[in-house]
Amino acid sequence: MRGPSIFLLVAFAVLAGVSPAYAAENAAFDLPWWAWASLLFVVSFALGIVAVLGGIGGGVLFVPVVGGFFPFHIDFVRGAGLLVALAGALAAGPGLLRSGMANLRLALPLGLIASMSAIVGASIGLALPARYIEFALGGTILGIVVLMFFGRKSELPDVPQADRLSTALRISGVFHDPYRQTDIDWKIHRTPAGLILFAGIGMLAGMFGLGAGWANVPVLNLVLGAPLKVSVATSKFMLSIVDTAAAWVYINAGAVLALVAVPSIVGIMLGSVIGVRLLARTRASVIRIVVIVLLLAAGIRAVLKGFGI
């Protein structure tokens, strides 16, 4: 059996083991705190591997899986989810800017709108009862599953003409594509629609602590018409802006618990390192199925928790 397959089976085994372990809710709290911290580290490590191989942010996997199968209050899980996404974005941001893939002129206006709505979303999320958040989170995750299943991407979208707003904001650029060995000029269109969509994305990111890469990339690539590599890199950089704004709301409300946040961040970061090493040897189609199945199970679990089941 090949190495990547072994890691995927380990990841599934760990995640599958968590579910029955916590199915009996009363028995779950019998475990000492260090056991939960250790288990959280192992699961986060596995999620870090799967997230890199699946090409998605760790937050979108972390919140539904840990929120669904661990005994922590959903507010602490969402706060940790934002920090998990933020840690990865801060680590990758400088390199992406230096490479020219991430574009400041594209990221700043969209990130500003998303940040303001993320603060509103985080405030609303902390004010709502936990079961409403669980139900809405489950619905959002199932929506992401549909988006991933039917979604498509365009490496170099056709943008006949830049719109007036993007021209006024001078949102355009040139990046060097090492794979094609050429410089690529790009511009965007439909900027007003993009700003509205990013307001909604920021709201969901702040409310559920998911990060927002799962939605940023399709909007940047398919709606605004940015090249796929620019979309992925700029999305990653934008997470450092949007998630910082939302994370302060959770920190100020006391919704960030070191017991949850520290092993999660360390586990995700270490898992991401392993995931990067496995990336070249793994079949993308298999990983995509793994991620979709994982999100589907976590989304259904969140909806059931919302119903009190």
C-alpha atoms as a PDB file:
ATOM      1  CA  MET A   1       0.000   0.000   0.000  1.00  0.00           C
ATOM      2  CA  ARG A   2       1.345   3.399  -0.952  1.00  0.00           C
ATOM      3  CA  GLY A   3       2.303   6.009   1.633  1.00  0.00           C
ATOM      4  CA  PRO A   4      -0.491   8.536   0.919  1.00  0.00           C
ATOM      5  CA  SER A   5      -3.110   5.795   1.119  1.00  0.00           C
ATOM      6  CA  ILE A   6      -1.794   4.732   4.506  1.00  0.00           C
ATOM      7  CA  PHE A   7      -2.025   8.293   5.808  1.00  0.00           C
ATOM      8  CA  LEU A   8      -5.585   8.617   4.509  1.00  0.00           C
ATOM      9  CA  LEU A   9      -6.617   5.383   6.184  1.00  0.00           C
ATOM     10  CA  VAL A  10      -5.041   6.571   9.439  1.00  0.00           C
ATOM     11  CA  ALA A  11      -6.931   9.841   9.125  1.00  0.00           C
ATOM     12  CA  PHE A  12     -10.212   8.038   8.595  1.00  0.00           C
ATOM     13  CA  ALA A  13      -9.504   5.644  11.439  1.00  0.00           C
ATOM     14  CA  VAL A  14      -8.832   8.508  13.827  1.00  0.00           C
ATOM     15  CA  LEU A  15     -11.909  10.427  12.769  1.00  0.00           C
ATOM     16  CA  ALA A  16     -14.073   7.326  12.832  1.00  0.00           C
ATOM     17  CA  GLY A  17     -12.759   6.526  16.271  1.00  0.00           C
ATOM     18  CA  VAL A  18     -13.706   9.916  17.620  1.00  0.00           C
ATOM     19  CA  SER A  19     -17.365   9.562  16.678  1.00  0.00           C
ATOM     20  CA  PRO A  20     -18.281   6.474  18.668  1.00  0.00           C
ATOM     21  CA  ALA A  21     -16.035   7.593  21.469  1.00  0.00           C
ATOM     22  CA  TYR A  22     -18.134  10.615  21.917  1.00  0.00           C
ATOM     23  CA  ALA A  23     -21.468   9.115  20.994  1.00  0.00           C
ATOM     24  CA  ALA A  24     -22.041   8.391  24.647  1.00  0.00           C
ATOM     25  CA  GLU A  25     -21.882  11.972  25.803  1.00  0.00           C
ATOM     26  CA  ASN A  26     -21.734  11.269  29.484  1.00  0.00           C
ATOM     27  CA  ALA A  27     -18.812   8.913  29.134  1.00  0.00           C
ATOM     28  CA  ALA A  28     -16.887  11.448  27.068  1.00  0.00           C
ATOM     29  CA  PHE A  29     -16.364  13.824  29.967  1.00  0.00           C
ATOM     30  CA  ASP A  30     -14.787  11.022  32.010  1.00  0.00           C
ATOM     31  CA  LEU A  31     -11.607  11.465  30.018  1.00  0.00           C
ATOM     32  CA  PRO A  32      -8.950  13.721  31.601  1.00  0.00           C
ATOM     33  CA  TRP A  33      -8.276  17.083  29.924  1.00  0.00           C
ATOM     34  CA  TRP A  34      -4.899  15.968  28.594  1.00  0.00           C
ATOM     35  CA  ALA A  35      -6.515  13.019  26.815  1.00  0.00           C
ATOM     36  CA  TRP A  36      -8.853  15.358  24.926  1.00  0.00           C
ATOM     37  CA  ALA A  37      -5.970  17.680  24.112  1.00  0.00           C
ATOM     38  CA  SER A  38      -3.928  14.738  22.807  1.00  0.00           C
ATOM     39  CA  LEU A  39      -6.856  13.389  20.779  1.00  0.00           C
ATOM     40  CA  LEU A  40      -7.494  16.850  19.377  1.00  0.00           C
ATOM     41  CA  PHE A  41      -3.854  17.100  18.323  1.00  0.00           C
ATOM     42  CA  VAL A  42      -4.019  13.755  16.508  1.00  0.00           C
ATOM     43  CA  VAL A  43      -7.251  14.618  14.710  1.00  0.00           C
ATOM     44  CA  SER A  44      -5.972  18.094  13.792  1.00  0.00           C
ATOM     45  CA  PHE A  45      -2.781  16.498  12.452  1.00  0.00           C
ATOM     46  CA  ALA A  46      -4.866  14.205  10.232  1.00  0.00           C
ATOM     47  CA  LEU A  47      -7.059  17.113   9.114  1.00  0.00           C
ATOM     48  CA  GLY A  48      -3.942  19.124   8.243  1.00  0.00           C
ATOM     49  CA  ILE A  49      -2.821  16.351   5.883  1.00  0.00           C
ATOM     50  CA  VAL A  50      -6.231  15.973   4.254  1.00  0.00           C
ATOM     51  CA  ALA A  51      -6.714  19.751   3.939  1.00  0.00           C
ATOM     52  CA  VAL A  52      -3.484  20.238   1.998  1.00  0.00           C
ATOM     53  CA  LEU A  53      -4.116  17.217  -0.221  1.00  0.00           C
ATOM     54  CA  GLY A  54      -7.694  18.383  -0.812  1.00  0.00           C
ATOM     55  CA  GLY A  55      -6.613  21.945  -1.634  1.00  0.00           C
ATOM     56  CA  ILE A  56      -8.852  23.547   0.989  1.00  0.00           C
ATOM     57  CA  GLY A  57      -8.276  25.519   4.178  1.00  0.00           C
ATOM     58  CA  GLY A  58      -7.991  23.689   7.489  1.00  0.00           C
ATOM     59  CA  GLY A  59     -10.773  25.726   9.093  1.00  0.00           C
ATOM     60  CA  VAL A  60     -13.510  24.401   6.843  1.00  0.00           C
ATOM     61  CA  LEU A  61     -12.659  20.833   7.925  1.00  0.00           C
ATOM     62  CA  PHE A  62     -11.738  21.634  11.532  1.00  0.00           C
ATOM     63  CA  VAL A  63     -14.932  23.374  12.696  1.00  0.00           C
ATOM     64  CA  PRO A  64     -17.537  20.829  11.521  1.00  0.00           C
ATOM     65  CA  VAL A  65     -15.447  17.765  12.443  1.00  0.00           C
ATOM     66  CA  VAL A  66     -14.299  18.931  15.885  1.00  0.00           C
ATOM     67  CA  GLY A  67     -17.620  20.683  16.584  1.00  0.00           C
ATOM     68  CA  GLY A  68     -19.533  17.548  15.662  1.00  0.00           C
ATOM     69  CA  PHE A  69     -17.495  14.899  17.422  1.00  0.00           C
ATOM     70  CA  PHE A  70     -15.733  16.569  20.367  1.00  0.00           C
ATOM     71  CA  PRO A  71     -17.264  17.690  23.686  1.00  0.00           C
ATOM     72  CA  PHE A  72     -16.246  21.344  23.344  1.00  0.00           C
ATOM     73  CA  HIS A  73     -18.781  24.158  23.127  1.00  0.00           C
ATOM     74  CA  ILE A  74     -19.257  25.306  19.538  1.00  0.00           C
ATOM     75  CA  ASP A  75     -18.068  28.851  20.429  1.00  0.00           C
ATOM     76  CA  PHE A  76     -14.633  27.531  21.470  1.00  0.00           C
ATOM     77  CA  VAL A  77     -14.435  25.403  18.321  1.00  0.00           C
ATOM     78  CA  ARG A  78     -15.301  28.363  16.076  1.00  0.00           C
ATOM     79  CA  GLY A  79     -12.734  30.556  17.834  1.00  0.00           C
ATOM     80  CA  ALA A  80     -10.069  27.885  17.387  1.00  0.00           C
ATOM     81  CA  GLY A  81     -11.166  27.390  13.766  1.00  0.00           C
ATOM     82  CA  LEU A  82     -10.466  31.034  12.989  1.00  0.00           C
ATOM     83  CA  LEU A  83      -7.033  30.823  14.611  1.00  0.00           C
ATOM     84  CA  VAL A  84      -6.267  27.626  12.675  1.00  0.00           C
ATOM     85  CA  ALA A  85      -7.135  29.346   9.378  1.00  0.00           C
ATOM     86  CA  LEU A  86      -5.275  32.491  10.453  1.00  0.00           C
ATOM     87  CA  ALA A  87      -2.085  30.586  11.342  1.00  0.00           C
ATOM     88  CA  GLY A  88      -1.923  28.979   7.921  1.00  0.00           C
ATOM     89  CA  ALA A  89      -2.631  32.263   6.141  1.00  0.00           C
ATOM     90  CA  LEU A  90       0.035  34.175   8.088  1.00  0.00           C
ATOM     91  CA  ALA A  91       2.581  31.464   7.345  1.00  0.00           C
ATOM     92  CA  ALA A  92       1.869  31.480   3.610  1.00  0.00           C
ATOM     93  CA  GLY A  93       1.070  35.191   3.054  1.00  0.00           C
ATOM     94  CA  PRO A  94       4.590  36.712   2.788  1.00  0.00           C
ATOM     95  CA  GLY A  95       5.773  34.077   0.315  1.00  0.00           C
ATOM     96  CA  LEU A  96       2.680  34.469  -1.846  1.00  0.00           C
ATOM     97  CA  LEU A  97       3.134  38.253  -1.983  1.00  0.00           C
ATOM     98  CA  ARG A  98       6.822  37.936  -2.869  1.00  0.00           C
ATOM     99  CA  SER A  99       6.003  35.490  -5.675  1.00  0.00           C
ATOM    100  CA  GLY A 100       3.544  37.955  -7.205  1.00  0.00           C
ATOM    101  CA  MET A 101       0.706  35.415  -7.093  1.00  0.00           C
ATOM    102  CA  ALA A 102      -1.185  37.249  -4.340  1.00  0.00           C
ATOM    103  CA  ASN A 103      -2.193  40.761  -5.380  1.00  0.00           C
ATOM    104  CA  LEU A 104      -2.653  43.568  -2.850  1.00  0.00           C
ATOM    105  CA  ARG A 105      -4.845  45.731  -5.102  1.00  0.00           C
ATOM    106  CA  LEU A 106      -7.206  42.789  -5.562  1.00  0.00           C
ATOM    107  CA  ALA A 107      -7.144  41.672  -1.931  1.00  0.00           C
ATOM    108  CA  LEU A 108      -7.532  44.947  -0.042  1.00  0.00           C
ATOM    109  CA  PRO A 109     -10.955  46.246  -1.213  1.00  0.00           C
ATOM    110  CA  LEU A 110     -12.492  42.771  -1.092  1.00  0.00           C
ATOM    111  CA  GLY A 111     -10.780  41.990   2.226  1.00  0.00           C
ATOM    112  CA  LEU A 112     -12.012  45.259   3.737  1.00  0.00           C
ATOM    113  CA  ILE A 113     -15.631  44.483   2.880  1.00  0.00           C
ATOM    114  CA  ALA A 114     -15.267  40.879   4.078  1.00  0.00           C
ATOM    115  CA  SER A 115     -13.574  41.980   7.331  1.00  0.00           C
ATOM    116  CA  MET A 116     -16.376  44.357   8.264  1.00  0.00           C
ATOM    117  CA  SER A 117     -19.012  41.727   7.588  1.00  0.00           C
ATOM    118  CA  ALA A 118     -16.930  39.095   9.436  1.00  0.00           C
ATOM    119  CA  ILE A 119     -17.037  41.246  12.588  1.00  0.00           C
ATOM    120  CA  VAL A 120     -20.812  41.485  12.251  1.00  0.00           C
ATOM    121  CA  GLY A 121     -21.065  37.749  11.586  1.00  0.00           C
ATOM    122  CA  ALA A 122     -18.904  36.865  14.589  1.00  0.00           C
ATOM    123  CA  SER A 123     -20.998  39.106  16.860  1.00  0.00           C
ATOM    124  CA  ILE A 124     -24.229  37.544  15.599  1.00  0.00           C
ATOM    125  CA  GLY A 125     -22.810  34.040  15.925  1.00  0.00           C
ATOM    126  CA  LEU A 126     -21.794  34.556  19.544  1.00  0.00           C
ATOM    127  CA  ALA A 127     -25.216  36.004  20.379  1.00  0.00           C
ATOM    128  CA  LEU A 128     -27.256  33.141  18.905  1.00  0.00           C
ATOM    129  CA  PRO A 129     -28.061  29.930  20.828  1.00  0.00           C
ATOM    130  CA  ALA A 130     -25.617  27.086  20.141  1.00  0.00           C
ATOM    131  CA  ARG A 131     -28.210  24.791  18.562  1.00  0.00           C
ATOM    132  CA  TYR A 132     -29.141  27.423  15.972  1.00  0.00           C
ATOM    133  CA  ILE A 133     -25.454  27.783  15.111  1.00  0.00           C
ATOM    134  CA  GLU A 134     -25.061  23.993  14.868  1.00  0.00           C
ATOM    135  CA  PHE A 135     -28.013  23.758  12.489  1.00  0.00           C
ATOM    136  CA  ALA A 136     -26.879  26.691  10.338  1.00  0.00           C
ATOM    137  CA  LEU A 137     -23.305  25.362  10.317  1.00  0.00           C
ATOM    138  CA  GLY A 138     -24.521  21.956   9.146  1.00  0.00           C
ATOM    139  CA  GLY A 139     -26.557  23.563   6.363  1.00  0.00           C
ATOM    140  CA  THR A 140     -23.564  25.656   5.293  1.00  0.00           C
ATOM    141  CA  ILE A 141     -21.250  22.639   5.256  1.00  0.00           C
ATOM    142  CA  LEU A 142     -23.711  20.636   3.179  1.00  0.00           C
ATOM    143  CA  GLY A 143     -23.875  23.603   0.795  1.00  0.00           C
ATOM    144  CA  ILE A 144     -20.081  23.540   0.533  1.00  0.00           C
ATOM    145  CA  VAL A 145     -20.275  19.819  -0.292  1.00  0.00           C
ATOM    146  CA  VAL A 146     -22.633  20.584  -3.185  1.00  0.00           C
ATOM    147  CA  LEU A 147     -20.349  23.418  -4.322  1.00  0.00           C
ATOM    148  CA  MET A 148     -17.304  21.130  -4.264  1.00  0.00           C
ATOM    149  CA  PHE A 149     -19.139  18.298  -6.030  1.00  0.00           C
ATOM    150  CA  PHE A 150     -20.506  20.383  -8.904  1.00  0.00           C
ATOM    151  CA  GLY A 151     -17.993  23.225  -8.878  1.00  0.00           C
ATOM    152  CA  ARG A 152     -15.603  23.927 -11.721  1.00  0.00           C
ATOM    153  CA  LYS A 153     -12.553  26.140 -12.105  1.00  0.00           C
ATOM    154  CA  SER A 154     -11.030  28.028 -14.973  1.00  0.00           C
ATOM    155  CA  GLU A 155      -7.258  28.385 -15.075  1.00  0.00           C
ATOM    156  CA  LEU A 156      -7.303  31.512 -17.246  1.00  0.00           C
ATOM    157  CA  PRO A 157     -10.836  32.999 -17.439  1.00  0.00           C
ATOM    158  CA  ASP A 158     -11.730  35.153 -20.421  1.00  0.00           C
ATOM    159  CA  VAL A 159     -12.233  38.788 -19.339  1.00  0.00           C
ATOM    160  CA  PRO A 160     -13.004  40.833 -22.486  1.00  0.00           C
ATOM    161  CA  GLN A 161     -12.962  44.196 -20.704  1.00  0.00           C
ATOM    162  CA  ALA A 162     -12.341  45.414 -17.150  1.00  0.00           C
ATOM    163  CA  ASP A 163     -15.317  47.114 -15.500  1.00  0.00           C
ATOM    164  CA  ARG A 164     -15.241  50.775 -14.446  1.00  0.00           C
ATOM    165  CA  LEU A 165     -14.803  50.125 -10.722  1.00  0.00           C
ATOM    166  CA  SER A 166     -11.847  47.770 -11.115  1.00  0.00           C
ATOM    167  CA  THR A 167     -10.299  50.228 -13.572  1.00  0.00           C
ATOM    168  CA  ALA A 168     -10.722  53.080 -11.080  1.00  0.00           C
ATOM    169  CA  LEU A 169      -9.185  50.953  -8.317  1.00  0.00           C
ATOM    170  CA  ARG A 170      -6.413  49.846 -10.723  1.00  0.00           C
ATOM    171  CA  ILE A 171      -7.058  46.178  -9.988  1.00  0.00           C
ATOM    172  CA  SER A 172      -4.981  44.346 -12.586  1.00  0.00           C
ATOM    173  CA  GLY A 173      -1.545  42.840 -12.761  1.00  0.00           C
ATOM    174  CA  VAL A 174       1.051  40.601 -14.317  1.00  0.00           C
ATOM    175  CA  PHE A 175       2.427  37.422 -12.818  1.00  0.00           C
ATOM    176  CA  HIS A 176       5.027  34.954 -13.989  1.00  0.00           C
ATOM    177  CA  ASP A 177       3.745  31.401 -14.385  1.00  0.00           C
ATOM    178  CA  PRO A 178       6.713  29.036 -13.889  1.00  0.00           C
ATOM    179  CA  TYR A 179       4.753  26.102 -15.362  1.00  0.00           C
ATOM    180  CA  ARG A 180       4.004  27.943 -18.612  1.00  0.00           C
ATOM    181  CA  GLN A 181       7.302  29.873 -18.503  1.00  0.00           C
ATOM    182  CA  THR A 182       5.502  33.081 -19.439  1.00  0.00           C
ATOM    183  CA  ASP A 183       4.193  36.326 -17.969  1.00  0.00           C
ATOM    184  CA  ILE A 184       0.400  36.527 -17.802  1.00  0.00           C
ATOM    185  CA  ASP A 185      -1.539  39.823 -17.860  1.00  0.00           C
ATOM    186  CA  TRP A 186      -4.831  39.749 -16.051  1.00  0.00           C
ATOM    187  CA  LYS A 187      -7.734  42.016 -15.187  1.00  0.00           C
ATOM    188  CA  ILE A 188     -11.128  41.485 -13.575  1.00  0.00           C
ATOM    189  CA  HIS A 189     -14.761  42.340 -14.260  1.00  0.00           C
ATOM    190  CA  ARG A 190     -18.063  42.250 -12.304  1.00  0.00           C
ATOM    191  CA  THR A 191     -16.384  44.001  -9.343  1.00  0.00           C
ATOM    192  CA  PRO A 192     -19.631  45.303  -7.725  1.00  0.00           C
ATOM    193  CA  ALA A 193     -21.068  41.766  -7.709  1.00  0.00           C
ATOM    194  CA  GLY A 194     -17.815  40.502  -6.186  1.00  0.00           C
ATOM    195  CA  LEU A 195     -17.970  43.054  -3.379  1.00  0.00           C
ATOM    196  CA  ILE A 196     -21.526  41.963  -2.517  1.00  0.00           C
ATOM    197  CA  LEU A 197     -20.560  38.282  -2.551  1.00  0.00           C
ATOM    198  CA  PHE A 198     -17.526  38.930  -0.346  1.00  0.00           C
ATOM    199  CA  ALA A 199     -19.748  40.717   2.165  1.00  0.00           C
ATOM    200  CA  GLY A 200     -21.734  37.486   2.435  1.00  0.00           C
ATOM    201  CA  ILE A 201     -18.601  35.333   2.576  1.00  0.00           C
ATOM    202  CA  GLY A 202     -17.182  37.453   5.411  1.00  0.00           C
ATOM    203  CA  MET A 203     -20.440  37.115   7.319  1.00  0.00           C
ATOM    204  CA  LEU A 204     -20.333  33.302   7.085  1.00  0.00           C
ATOM    205  CA  ALA A 205     -16.611  33.181   7.929  1.00  0.00           C
ATOM    206  CA  GLY A 206     -17.092  35.221  11.093  1.00  0.00           C
ATOM    207  CA  MET A 207     -20.267  33.457  12.147  1.00  0.00           C
ATOM    208  CA  PHE A 208     -18.965  29.895  11.752  1.00  0.00           C
ATOM    209  CA  GLY A 209     -15.176  30.351  12.112  1.00  0.00           C
ATOM    210  CA  LEU A 210     -14.630  28.475   8.862  1.00  0.00           C
ATOM    211  CA  GLY A 211     -12.025  30.628   7.192  1.00  0.00           C
ATOM    212  CA  ALA A 212     -13.302  31.405   3.718  1.00  0.00           C
ATOM    213  CA  GLY A 213     -10.991  29.891   1.121  1.00  0.00           C
ATOM    214  CA  TRP A 214     -13.744  27.488   0.046  1.00  0.00           C
ATOM    215  CA  ALA A 215     -15.785  30.482  -1.199  1.00  0.00           C
ATOM    216  CA  ASN A 216     -13.069  33.037  -1.976  1.00  0.00           C
ATOM    217  CA  VAL A 217     -11.498  31.070  -4.803  1.00  0.00           C
ATOM    218  CA  PRO A 218     -14.705  30.388  -6.818  1.00  0.00           C
ATOM    219  CA  VAL A 219     -15.774  34.044  -6.555  1.00  0.00           C
ATOM    220  CA  LEU A 220     -12.342  35.408  -7.495  1.00  0.00           C
ATOM    221  CA  ASN A 221     -11.914  32.913 -10.329  1.00  0.00           C
ATOM    222  CA  LEU A 222     -15.385  32.373 -11.796  1.00  0.00           C
ATOM    223  CA  VAL A 223     -17.161  35.651 -10.959  1.00  0.00           C
ATOM    224  CA  LEU A 224     -14.384  38.247 -11.097  1.00  0.00           C
ATOM    225  CA  GLY A 225     -12.308  36.431 -13.710  1.00  0.00           C
ATOM    226  CA  ALA A 226      -8.922  36.373 -11.942  1.00  0.00           C
ATOM    227  CA  PRO A 227      -6.554  33.573 -13.049  1.00  0.00           C
ATOM    228  CA  LEU A 228      -6.812  30.452 -10.890  1.00  0.00           C
ATOM    229  CA  LYS A 229      -3.319  30.770  -9.386  1.00  0.00           C
ATOM    230  CA  VAL A 230      -3.894  34.449  -8.552  1.00  0.00           C
ATOM    231  CA  SER A 231      -7.269  33.519  -7.048  1.00  0.00           C
ATOM    232  CA  VAL A 232      -5.833  30.792  -4.813  1.00  0.00           C
ATOM    233  CA  ALA A 233      -2.890  32.927  -3.639  1.00  0.00           C
ATOM    234  CA  THR A 234      -4.946  36.093  -3.084  1.00  0.00           C
ATOM    235  CA  SER A 235      -7.602  34.095  -1.237  1.00  0.00           C
ATOM    236  CA  LYS A 236      -4.959  32.714   1.122  1.00  0.00           C
ATOM    237  CA  PHE A 237      -3.600  36.201   1.790  1.00  0.00           C
ATOM    238  CA  MET A 238      -7.103  37.613   2.334  1.00  0.00           C
ATOM    239  CA  LEU A 239      -7.720  35.058   5.081  1.00  0.00           C
ATOM    240  CA  SER A 240      -5.068  36.808   7.193  1.00  0.00           C
ATOM    241  CA  ILE A 241      -7.105  40.043   6.944  1.00  0.00           C
ATOM    242  CA  VAL A 242     -10.626  38.670   7.345  1.00  0.00           C
ATOM    243  CA  ASP A 243      -9.892  36.064  10.018  1.00  0.00           C
ATOM    244  CA  THR A 244      -7.912  38.554  12.123  1.00  0.00           C
ATOM    245  CA  ALA A 245     -10.935  40.843  12.295  1.00  0.00           C
ATOM    246  CA  ALA A 246     -13.276  38.018  13.308  1.00  0.00           C
ATOM    247  CA  ALA A 247     -10.788  36.414  15.699  1.00  0.00           C
ATOM    248  CA  TRP A 248     -10.600  39.572  17.813  1.00  0.00           C
ATOM    249  CA  VAL A 249     -14.337  39.353  18.430  1.00  0.00           C
ATOM    250  CA  TYR A 250     -13.970  35.790  19.710  1.00  0.00           C
ATOM    251  CA  ILE A 251     -10.917  36.665  21.824  1.00  0.00           C
ATOM    252  CA  ASN A 252     -12.695  39.687  23.319  1.00  0.00           C
ATOM    253  CA  ALA A 253     -15.697  37.507  24.189  1.00  0.00           C
ATOM    254  CA  GLY A 254     -13.490  34.898  25.901  1.00  0.00           C
ATOM    255  CA  ALA A 255     -14.369  32.303  23.248  1.00  0.00           C
ATOM    256  CA  VAL A 256     -10.767  31.213  22.613  1.00  0.00           C
ATOM    257  CA  LEU A 257      -9.673  28.393  24.927  1.00  0.00           C
ATOM    258  CA  ALA A 258      -5.986  27.427  24.970  1.00  0.00           C
ATOM    259  CA  LEU A 259      -6.888  23.763  25.560  1.00  0.00           C
ATOM    260  CA  VAL A 260      -8.674  23.744  22.196  1.00  0.00           C
ATOM    261  CA  ALA A 261      -6.652  26.277  20.214  1.00  0.00           C
ATOM    262  CA  VAL A 262      -3.048  25.220  20.963  1.00  0.00           C
ATOM    263  CA  PRO A 263      -3.168  21.499  20.058  1.00  0.00           C
ATOM    264  CA  SER A 264      -5.357  22.330  17.067  1.00  0.00           C
ATOM    265  CA  ILE A 265      -2.958  24.887  15.596  1.00  0.00           C
ATOM    266  CA  VAL A 266       0.124  22.738  16.252  1.00  0.00           C
ATOM    267  CA  GLY A 267      -1.572  19.624  14.844  1.00  0.00           C
ATOM    268  CA  ILE A 268      -2.844  21.364  11.703  1.00  0.00           C
ATOM    269  CA  MET A 269       0.502  23.023  10.998  1.00  0.00           C
ATOM    270  CA  LEU A 270       2.483  19.782  11.406  1.00  0.00           C
ATOM    271  CA  GLY A 271      -0.076  17.867   9.366  1.00  0.00           C
ATOM    272  CA  SER A 272       0.157  20.479   6.623  1.00  0.00           C
ATOM    273  CA  VAL A 273       3.911  19.920   6.392  1.00  0.00           C
ATOM    274  CA  ILE A 274       3.344  16.186   5.854  1.00  0.00           C
ATOM    275  CA  GLY A 275       0.516  16.931   3.420  1.00  0.00           C
ATOM    276  CA  VAL A 276       2.774  19.103   1.261  1.00  0.00           C
ATOM    277  CA  ARG A 277       5.288  16.245   1.040  1.00  0.00           C
ATOM    278  CA  LEU A 278       2.570  13.769   0.027  1.00  0.00           C
ATOM    279  CA  LEU A 279       0.911  16.116  -2.447  1.00  0.00           C
ATOM    280  CA  ALA A 280       2.966  15.142  -5.502  1.00  0.00           C
ATOM    281  CA  ARG A 281       2.338  11.414  -4.957  1.00  0.00           C
ATOM    282  CA  THR A 282      -1.400  11.527  -4.323  1.00  0.00           C
ATOM    283  CA  ARG A 283      -4.275  11.227  -6.796  1.00  0.00           C
ATOM    284  CA  ALA A 284      -6.321  14.425  -6.648  1.00  0.00           C
ATOM    285  CA  SER A 285      -9.578  12.607  -7.474  1.00  0.00           C
ATOM    286  CA  VAL A 286      -9.222  10.296  -4.461  1.00  0.00           C
ATOM    287  CA  ILE A 287      -8.508  13.186  -2.088  1.00  0.00           C
ATOM    288  CA  ARG A 288     -11.483  15.117  -3.443  1.00  0.00           C
ATOM    289  CA  ILE A 289     -13.771  12.195  -2.615  1.00  0.00           C
ATOM    290  CA  VAL A 290     -12.233  11.882   0.867  1.00  0.00           C
ATOM    291  CA  VAL A 291     -12.836  15.568   1.593  1.00  0.00           C
ATOM    292  CA  ILE A 292     -16.412  15.492   0.276  1.00  0.00           C
ATOM    293  CA  VAL A 293     -17.285  12.389   2.335  1.00  0.00           C
ATOM    294  CA  LEU A 294     -15.678  13.894   5.435  1.00  0.00           C
ATOM    295  CA  LEU A 295     -17.560  17.176   5.063  1.00  0.00           C
ATOM    296  CA  LEU A 296     -20.803  15.346   4.299  1.00  0.00           C
ATOM    297  CA  ALA A 297     -20.532  13.316   7.525  1.00  0.00           C
ATOM    298  CA  ALA A 298     -19.614  16.377   9.576  1.00  0.00           C
ATOM    299  CA  GLY A 299     -22.403  18.461   8.034  1.00  0.00           C
ATOM    300  CA  ILE A 300     -25.044  15.810   8.754  1.00  0.00           C
ATOM    301  CA  ARG A 301     -23.706  15.475  12.298  1.00  0.00           C
ATOM    302  CA  ALA A 302     -23.967  19.260  12.825  1.00  0.00           C
ATOM    303  CA  VAL A 303     -27.555  19.328  11.545  1.00  0.00           C
ATOM    304  CA  LEU A 304     -28.479  16.448  13.864  1.00  0.00           C
ATOM    305  CA  LYS A 305     -26.901  18.289  16.812  1.00  0.00           C
ATOM    306  CA  GLY A 306     -28.941  21.337  15.837  1.00  0.00           C
ATOM    307  CA  PHE A 307     -32.068  19.200  16.196  1.00  0.00           C
ATOM    308  CA  GLY A 308     -30.782  17.953  19.556  1.00  0.00           C
ATOM    309  CA  ILE A 309     -30.185  14.408  18.255  1.00  0.00           C
END
